[in-house]
PDB file of N, CA and C in Angstrom:
ATOM      1  N   MET A   1       4.870  10.801  17.723  1.00  0.00           N
ATOM      2  CA  MET A   1       5.519  10.002  18.719  1.00  0.00           C
ATOM      3  C   MET A   1       4.647   9.897  19.972  1.00  0.00           C
ATOM      4  N   GLU A   2       4.101  11.055  20.398  1.00  0.00           N
ATOM      5  CA  GLU A   2       3.244  11.029  21.585  1.00  0.00           C
ATOM      6  C   GLU A   2       2.023  10.146  21.347  1.00  0.00           C
ATOM      7  N   TYR A   3       1.475  10.250  20.144  1.00  0.00           N
ATOM      8  CA  TYR A   3       0.278   9.474  19.825  1.00  0.00           C
ATOM      9  C   TYR A   3       0.560   7.975  19.910  1.00  0.00           C
ATOM     10  N   ALA A   4       1.697   7.548  19.365  1.00  0.00           N
ATOM     11  CA  ALA A   4       2.053   6.130  19.403  1.00  0.00           C
ATOM     12  C   ALA A   4       2.295   5.669  20.836  1.00  0.00           C
ATOM     13  N   ALA A   5       2.989   6.489  21.616  1.00  0.00           N
ATOM     14  CA  ALA A   5       3.247   6.131  23.013  1.00  0.00           C
ATOM     15  C   ALA A   5       1.944   6.047  23.810  1.00  0.00           C
ATOM     16  N   ASP A   6       1.011   6.946  23.528  1.00  0.00           N
ATOM     17  CA  ASP A   6      -0.291   6.888  24.205  1.00  0.00           C
ATOM     18  C   ASP A   6      -1.010   5.581  23.905  1.00  0.00           C
ATOM     19  N   ASN A   7      -0.974   5.157  22.660  1.00  0.00           N
ATOM     20  CA  ASN A   7      -1.667   3.929  22.283  1.00  0.00           C
ATOM     21  C   ASN A   7      -0.981   2.684  22.837  1.00  0.00           C
ATOM     22  N   ILE A   8       0.339   2.684  22.886  1.00  0.00           N
ATOM     23  CA  ILE A   8       1.066   1.517  23.372  1.00  0.00           C
ATOM     24  C   ILE A   8       0.954   1.390  24.888  1.00  0.00           C
ATOM     25  N   PHE A   9       1.157   2.495  25.601  1.00  0.00           N
ATOM     26  CA  PHE A   9       1.202   2.441  27.061  1.00  0.00           C
ATOM     27  C   PHE A   9      -0.079   2.910  27.739  1.00  0.00           C
ATOM     28  N   ALA A  10      -1.077   3.299  26.978  1.00  0.00           N
ATOM     29  CA  ALA A  10      -2.349   3.815  27.497  1.00  0.00           C
ATOM     30  C   ALA A  10      -2.094   4.963  28.481  1.00  0.00           C
ATOM     31  N   ASP A  11      -1.176   5.827  28.132  1.00  0.00           N
ATOM     32  CA  ASP A  11      -0.816   6.967  28.963  1.00  0.00           C
ATOM     33  C   ASP A  11      -1.476   8.212  28.375  1.00  0.00           C
ATOM     34  N   GLY A  12      -1.412   9.315  29.101  1.00  0.00           N
ATOM     35  CA  GLY A  12      -2.076  10.532  28.648  1.00  0.00           C
ATOM     36  C   GLY A  12      -1.135  11.628  28.235  1.00  0.00           C
ATOM     37  N   ALA A  13      -0.182  11.365  27.360  1.00  0.00           N
ATOM     38  CA  ALA A  13       0.738  12.408  26.908  1.00  0.00           C
ATOM     39  C   ALA A  13       0.025  13.396  25.983  1.00  0.00           C
ATOM     40  N   GLN A  14      -0.974  12.931  25.253  1.00  0.00           N
ATOM     41  CA  GLN A  14      -1.733  13.814  24.379  1.00  0.00           C
ATOM     42  C   GLN A  14      -2.748  14.578  25.200  1.00  0.00           C
ATOM     43  N   GLY A  15      -2.902  15.839  24.893  1.00  0.00           N
ATOM     44  CA  GLY A  15      -3.862  16.661  25.603  1.00  0.00           C
ATOM     45  C   GLY A  15      -3.279  17.168  26.904  1.00  0.00           C
ATOM     46  N   SER A  16      -4.116  17.783  27.679  1.00  0.00           N
ATOM     47  CA  SER A  16      -3.711  18.302  28.983  1.00  0.00           C
ATOM     48  C   SER A  16      -4.911  18.184  29.908  1.00  0.00           C
ATOM     49  N   PRO A  17      -4.730  18.439  31.202  1.00  0.00           N
ATOM     50  CA  PRO A  17      -5.884  18.361  32.103  1.00  0.00           C
ATOM     51  C   PRO A  17      -7.001  19.326  31.731  1.00  0.00           C
ATOM     52  N   ALA A  18      -6.658  20.438  31.084  1.00  0.00           N
ATOM     53  CA  ALA A  18      -7.658  21.444  30.739  1.00  0.00           C
ATOM     54  C   ALA A  18      -8.216  21.276  29.328  1.00  0.00           C
ATOM     55  N   MET A  19      -7.560  20.456  28.470  1.00  0.00           N
ATOM     56  CA  MET A  19      -7.974  20.332  27.072  1.00  0.00           C
ATOM     57  C   MET A  19      -7.999  18.883  26.637  1.00  0.00           C
ATOM     58  N   SER A  20      -8.809  18.620  25.630  1.00  0.00           N
ATOM     59  CA  SER A  20      -8.788  17.291  25.027  1.00  0.00           C
ATOM     60  C   SER A  20      -7.593  17.190  24.085  1.00  0.00           C
ATOM     61  N   ALA A  21      -7.312  15.992  23.616  1.00  0.00           N
ATOM     62  CA  ALA A  21      -6.167  15.786  22.719  1.00  0.00           C
ATOM     63  C   ALA A  21      -6.339  16.560  21.420  1.00  0.00           C
ATOM     64  N   ILE A  22      -7.562  16.623  20.898  1.00  0.00           N
ATOM     65  CA  ILE A  22      -7.813  17.351  19.649  1.00  0.00           C
ATOM     66  C   ILE A  22      -7.573  18.845  19.840  1.00  0.00           C
ATOM     67  N   ASP A  23      -8.078  19.397  20.945  1.00  0.00           N
ATOM     68  CA  ASP A  23      -7.866  20.824  21.218  1.00  0.00           C
ATOM     69  C   ASP A  23      -6.382  21.132  21.395  1.00  0.00           C
ATOM     70  N   ASP A  24      -5.679  20.276  22.112  1.00  0.00           N
ATOM     71  CA  ASP A  24      -4.246  20.465  22.336  1.00  0.00           C
ATOM     72  C   ASP A  24      -3.493  20.447  21.007  1.00  0.00           C
ATOM     73  N   THR A  25      -3.818  19.503  20.147  1.00  0.00           N
ATOM     74  CA  THR A  25      -3.167  19.405  18.839  1.00  0.00           C
ATOM     75  C   THR A  25      -3.479  20.630  17.987  1.00  0.00           C
ATOM     76  N   MET A  26      -4.722  21.097  18.040  1.00  0.00           N
ATOM     77  CA  MET A  26      -5.096  22.264  17.245  1.00  0.00           C
ATOM     78  C   MET A  26      -4.325  23.498  17.707  1.00  0.00           C
ATOM     79  N   TRP A  27      -4.173  23.685  19.019  1.00  0.00           N
ATOM     80  CA  TRP A  27      -3.401  24.818  19.521  1.00  0.00           C
ATOM     81  C   TRP A  27      -1.926  24.679  19.146  1.00  0.00           C
ATOM     82  N   ASP A  28      -1.412  23.451  19.138  1.00  0.00           N
ATOM     83  CA  ASP A  28      -0.034  23.238  18.674  1.00  0.00           C
ATOM     84  C   ASP A  28       0.123  23.685  17.226  1.00  0.00           C
ATOM     85  N   LEU A  29      -0.829  23.320  16.384  1.00  0.00           N
ATOM     86  CA  LEU A  29      -0.766  23.696  14.969  1.00  0.00           C
ATOM     87  C   LEU A  29      -0.899  25.204  14.779  1.00  0.00           C
ATOM     88  N   ILE A  30      -1.768  25.840  15.552  1.00  0.00           N
ATOM     89  CA  ILE A  30      -1.932  27.288  15.460  1.00  0.00           C
ATOM     90  C   ILE A  30      -0.641  27.989  15.864  1.00  0.00           C
ATOM     91  N   CYS A  31      -0.025  27.548  16.951  1.00  0.00           N
ATOM     92  CA  CYS A  31       1.235  28.160  17.407  1.00  0.00           C
ATOM     93  C   CYS A  31       2.358  27.910  16.408  1.00  0.00           C
ATOM     94  N   ASP A  32       2.405  26.727  15.810  1.00  0.00           N
ATOM     95  CA  ASP A  32       3.411  26.438  14.777  1.00  0.00           C
ATOM     96  C   ASP A  32       3.231  27.359  13.576  1.00  0.00           C
ATOM     97  N   PHE A  33       1.982  27.569  13.171  1.00  0.00           N
ATOM     98  CA  PHE A  33       1.677  28.450  12.042  1.00  0.00           C
ATOM     99  C   PHE A  33       2.126  29.876  12.344  1.00  0.00           C
ATOM    100  N   LEU A  34       1.783  30.385  13.526  1.00  0.00           N
ATOM    101  CA  LEU A  34       2.159  31.746  13.892  1.00  0.00           C
ATOM    102  C   LEU A  34       3.679  31.895  13.996  1.00  0.00           C
ATOM    103  N   GLY A  35       4.348  30.891  14.526  1.00  0.00           N
ATOM    104  CA  GLY A  35       5.804  30.918  14.588  1.00  0.00           C
ATOM    105  C   GLY A  35       6.423  30.933  13.204  1.00  0.00           C
ATOM    106  N   GLY A  36       5.838  30.190  12.277  1.00  0.00           N
ATOM    107  CA  GLY A  36       6.320  30.187  10.896  1.00  0.00           C
ATOM    108  C   GLY A  36       6.157  31.538  10.235  1.00  0.00           C
ATOM    109  N   ILE A  37       5.030  32.186  10.497  1.00  0.00           N
ATOM    110  CA  ILE A  37       4.797  33.517   9.936  1.00  0.00           C
ATOM    111  C   ILE A  37       5.820  34.508  10.497  1.00  0.00           C
ATOM    112  N   VAL A  38       6.036  34.486  11.800  1.00  0.00           N
ATOM    113  CA  VAL A  38       7.012  35.388  12.422  1.00  0.00           C
ATOM    114  C   VAL A  38       8.406  35.134  11.840  1.00  0.00           C
ATOM    115  N   GLY A  39       8.785  33.857  11.719  1.00  0.00           N
ATOM    116  CA  GLY A  39      10.090  33.527  11.149  1.00  0.00           C
ATOM    117  C   GLY A  39      10.225  33.987   9.707  1.00  0.00           C
ATOM    118  N   ALA A  40       9.162  33.837   8.934  1.00  0.00           N
ATOM    119  CA  ALA A  40       9.197  34.264   7.534  1.00  0.00           C
ATOM    120  C   ALA A  40       9.328  35.775   7.415  1.00  0.00           C
ATOM    121  N   VAL A  41       8.602  36.502   8.251  1.00  0.00           N
ATOM    122  CA  VAL A  41       8.668  37.970   8.203  1.00  0.00           C
ATOM    123  C   VAL A  41      10.066  38.446   8.600  1.00  0.00           C
ATOM    124  N   PHE A  42      10.587  37.941   9.721  1.00  0.00           N
ATOM    125  CA  PHE A  42      11.913  38.382  10.150  1.00  0.00           C
ATOM    126  C   PHE A  42      12.995  37.924   9.174  1.00  0.00           C
ATOM    127  N   GLY A  43      12.863  36.741   8.623  1.00  0.00           N
ATOM    128  CA  GLY A  43      13.834  36.272   7.639  1.00  0.00           C
ATOM    129  C   GLY A  43      13.837  37.129   6.391  1.00  0.00           C
ATOM    130  N   THR A  44      12.647  37.498   5.934  1.00  0.00           N
ATOM    131  CA  THR A  44      12.534  38.359   4.758  1.00  0.00           C
ATOM    132  C   THR A  44      13.131  39.731   5.031  1.00  0.00           C
ATOM    133  N   LEU A  45      12.819  40.281   6.199  1.00  0.00           N
ATOM    134  CA  LEU A  45      13.384  41.591   6.552  1.00  0.00           C
ATOM    135  C   LEU A  45      14.902  41.522   6.678  1.00  0.00           C
ATOM    136  N   TYR A  46      15.406  40.434   7.241  1.00  0.00           N
ATOM    137  CA  TYR A  46      16.858  40.276   7.379  1.00  0.00           C
ATOM    138  C   TYR A  46      17.520  40.241   6.004  1.00  0.00           C
ATOM    139  N   ILE A  47      16.983  39.457   5.109  1.00  0.00           N
ATOM    140  CA  ILE A  47      17.581  39.356   3.777  1.00  0.00           C
ATOM    141  C   ILE A  47      17.463  40.681   3.027  1.00  0.00           C
ATOM    142  N   ARG A  48      16.334  41.353   3.182  1.00  0.00           N
ATOM    143  CA  ARG A  48      16.100  42.596   2.456  1.00  0.00           C
ATOM    144  C   ARG A  48      17.012  43.725   2.933  1.00  0.00           C
ATOM    145  N   TYR A  49      17.197  43.859   4.241  1.00  0.00           N
ATOM    146  CA  TYR A  49      17.875  45.029   4.779  1.00  0.00           C
ATOM    147  C   TYR A  49      19.286  44.776   5.323  1.00  0.00           C
ATOM    148  N   SER A  50      19.741  43.545   5.350  1.00  0.00           N
ATOM    149  CA  SER A  50      21.087  43.284   5.855  1.00  0.00           C
ATOM    150  C   SER A  50      22.120  43.520   4.754  1.00  0.00           C
ATOM    151  N   HIS A  51      23.327  43.747   5.181  1.00  0.00           N
ATOM    152  CA  HIS A  51      24.413  43.909   4.219  1.00  0.00           C
ATOM    153  C   HIS A  51      24.884  42.530   3.770  1.00  0.00           C
ATOM    154  N   ARG A  52      25.424  42.480   2.594  1.00  0.00           N
ATOM    155  CA  ARG A  52      25.867  41.209   2.043  1.00  0.00           C
ATOM    156  C   ARG A  52      26.929  40.541   2.920  1.00  0.00           C
ATOM    157  N   THR A  53      27.795  41.325   3.552  1.00  0.00           N
ATOM    158  CA  THR A  53      28.835  40.751   4.408  1.00  0.00           C
ATOM    159  C   THR A  53      28.219  40.045   5.617  1.00  0.00           C
ATOM    160  N   HIS A  54      27.112  40.577   6.145  1.00  0.00           N
ATOM    161  CA  HIS A  54      26.434  39.920   7.253  1.00  0.00           C
ATOM    162  C   HIS A  54      25.870  38.567   6.822  1.00  0.00           C
ATOM    163  N   ARG A  55      25.306  38.535   5.608  1.00  0.00           N
ATOM    164  CA  ARG A  55      24.768  37.265   5.101  1.00  0.00           C
ATOM    165  C   ARG A  55      25.879  36.250   4.898  1.00  0.00           C
ATOM    166  N   ARG A  56      27.034  36.688   4.406  1.00  0.00           N
ATOM    167  CA  ARG A  56      28.164  35.766   4.221  1.00  0.00           C
ATOM    168  C   ARG A  56      28.639  35.220   5.564  1.00  0.00           C
ATOM    169  N   ARG A  57      28.705  36.084   6.573  1.00  0.00           N
ATOM    170  CA  ARG A  57      29.116  35.653   7.909  1.00  0.00           C
ATOM    171  C   ARG A  57      28.117  34.629   8.464  1.00  0.00           C
ATOM    172  N   PHE A  58      26.830  34.892   8.267  1.00  0.00           N
ATOM    173  CA  PHE A  58      25.794  33.958   8.715  1.00  0.00           C
ATOM    174  C   PHE A  58      25.910  32.629   7.969  1.00  0.00           C
ATOM    175  N   TYR A  59      26.176  32.681   6.670  1.00  0.00           N
ATOM    176  CA  TYR A  59      26.340  31.471   5.866  1.00  0.00           C
ATOM    177  C   TYR A  59      27.516  30.642   6.380  1.00  0.00           C
ATOM    178  N   LYS A  60      28.639  31.306   6.675  1.00  0.00           N
ATOM    179  CA  LYS A  60      29.805  30.591   7.193  1.00  0.00           C
ATOM    180  C   LYS A  60      29.511  29.967   8.551  1.00  0.00           C
ATOM    181  N   LEU A  61      28.768  30.676   9.397  1.00  0.00           N
ATOM    182  CA  LEU A  61      28.400  30.144  10.703  1.00  0.00           C
ATOM    183  C   LEU A  61      27.514  28.909  10.563  1.00  0.00           C
ATOM    184  N   MET A  62      26.511  28.966   9.697  1.00  0.00           N
ATOM    185  CA  MET A  62      25.616  27.824   9.509  1.00  0.00           C
ATOM    186  C   MET A  62      26.359  26.636   8.903  1.00  0.00           C
ATOM    187  N   THR A  63      27.277  26.907   8.003  1.00  0.00           N
ATOM    188  CA  THR A  63      28.078  25.841   7.413  1.00  0.00           C
ATOM    189  C   THR A  63      28.945  25.180   8.480  1.00  0.00           C
ATOM    190  N   ALA A  64      29.515  25.988   9.357  1.00  0.00           N
ATOM    191  CA  ALA A  64      30.357  25.440  10.427  1.00  0.00           C
ATOM    192  C   ALA A  64      29.530  24.624  11.423  1.00  0.00           C
ATOM    193  N   LEU A  65      28.330  25.094  11.726  1.00  0.00           N
ATOM    194  CA  LEU A  65      27.490  24.396  12.703  1.00  0.00           C
ATOM    195  C   LEU A  65      26.923  23.085  12.168  1.00  0.00           C
ATOM    196  N   THR A  66      26.517  23.080  10.912  1.00  0.00           N
ATOM    197  CA  THR A  66      25.884  21.887  10.352  1.00  0.00           C
ATOM    198  C   THR A  66      26.879  20.949   9.695  1.00  0.00           C
ATOM    199  N   GLY A  67      28.017  21.473   9.291  1.00  0.00           N
ATOM    200  CA  GLY A  67      29.007  20.648   8.617  1.00  0.00           C
ATOM    201  C   GLY A  67      28.702  20.412   7.153  1.00  0.00           C
ATOM    202  N   GLU A  68      27.617  20.986   6.676  1.00  0.00           N
ATOM    203  CA  GLU A  68      27.246  20.836   5.272  1.00  0.00           C
ATOM    204  C   GLU A  68      27.068  22.210   4.662  1.00  0.00           C
ATOM    205  N   PRO A  69      27.563  22.398   3.464  1.00  0.00           N
ATOM    206  CA  PRO A  69      27.329  23.683   2.807  1.00  0.00           C
ATOM    207  C   PRO A  69      25.863  23.798   2.383  1.00  0.00           C
ATOM    208  N   ALA A  70      25.256  24.918   2.711  1.00  0.00           N
ATOM    209  CA  ALA A  70      23.865  25.165   2.297  1.00  0.00           C
ATOM    210  C   ALA A  70      23.887  25.744   0.903  1.00  0.00           C
ATOM    211  N   GLU A  71      22.721  25.816   0.277  1.00  0.00           N
ATOM    212  CA  GLU A  71      22.646  26.457  -1.018  1.00  0.00           C
ATOM    213  C   GLU A  71      22.881  27.936  -0.832  1.00  0.00           C
ATOM    214  N   ARG A  72      23.694  28.486  -1.665  1.00  0.00           N
ATOM    215  CA  ARG A  72      24.067  29.882  -1.512  1.00  0.00           C
ATOM    216  C   ARG A  72      23.069  30.765  -2.248  1.00  0.00           C
ATOM    217  N   ALA A  73      22.594  31.793  -1.566  1.00  0.00           N
ATOM    218  CA  ALA A  73      21.672  32.731  -2.175  1.00  0.00           C
ATOM    219  C   ALA A  73      22.282  34.130  -2.103  1.00  0.00           C
ATOM    220  N   GLY A  74      22.316  34.823  -3.216  1.00  0.00           N
ATOM    221  CA  GLY A  74      22.761  36.214  -3.239  1.00  0.00           C
ATOM    222  C   GLY A  74      24.213  36.335  -3.090  1.00  0.00           C
TER     223      GLY A  74
END
């Protein structure tokens, strides 16, 4: 979205004053990757060490928030 807006309006949403657009995008991807790893580790630990009743409560909460039943695991 930022890329399209930059091209249409010739604005500088991509990048920052200290970085070029490529560097900014690369740091975004690195941070996204690290966040995914952290989420995967904590999610795995939660599933491994939580009690089944906690998972059911979490499932009910997510179903209530999204309005759609998720696939049930365990």
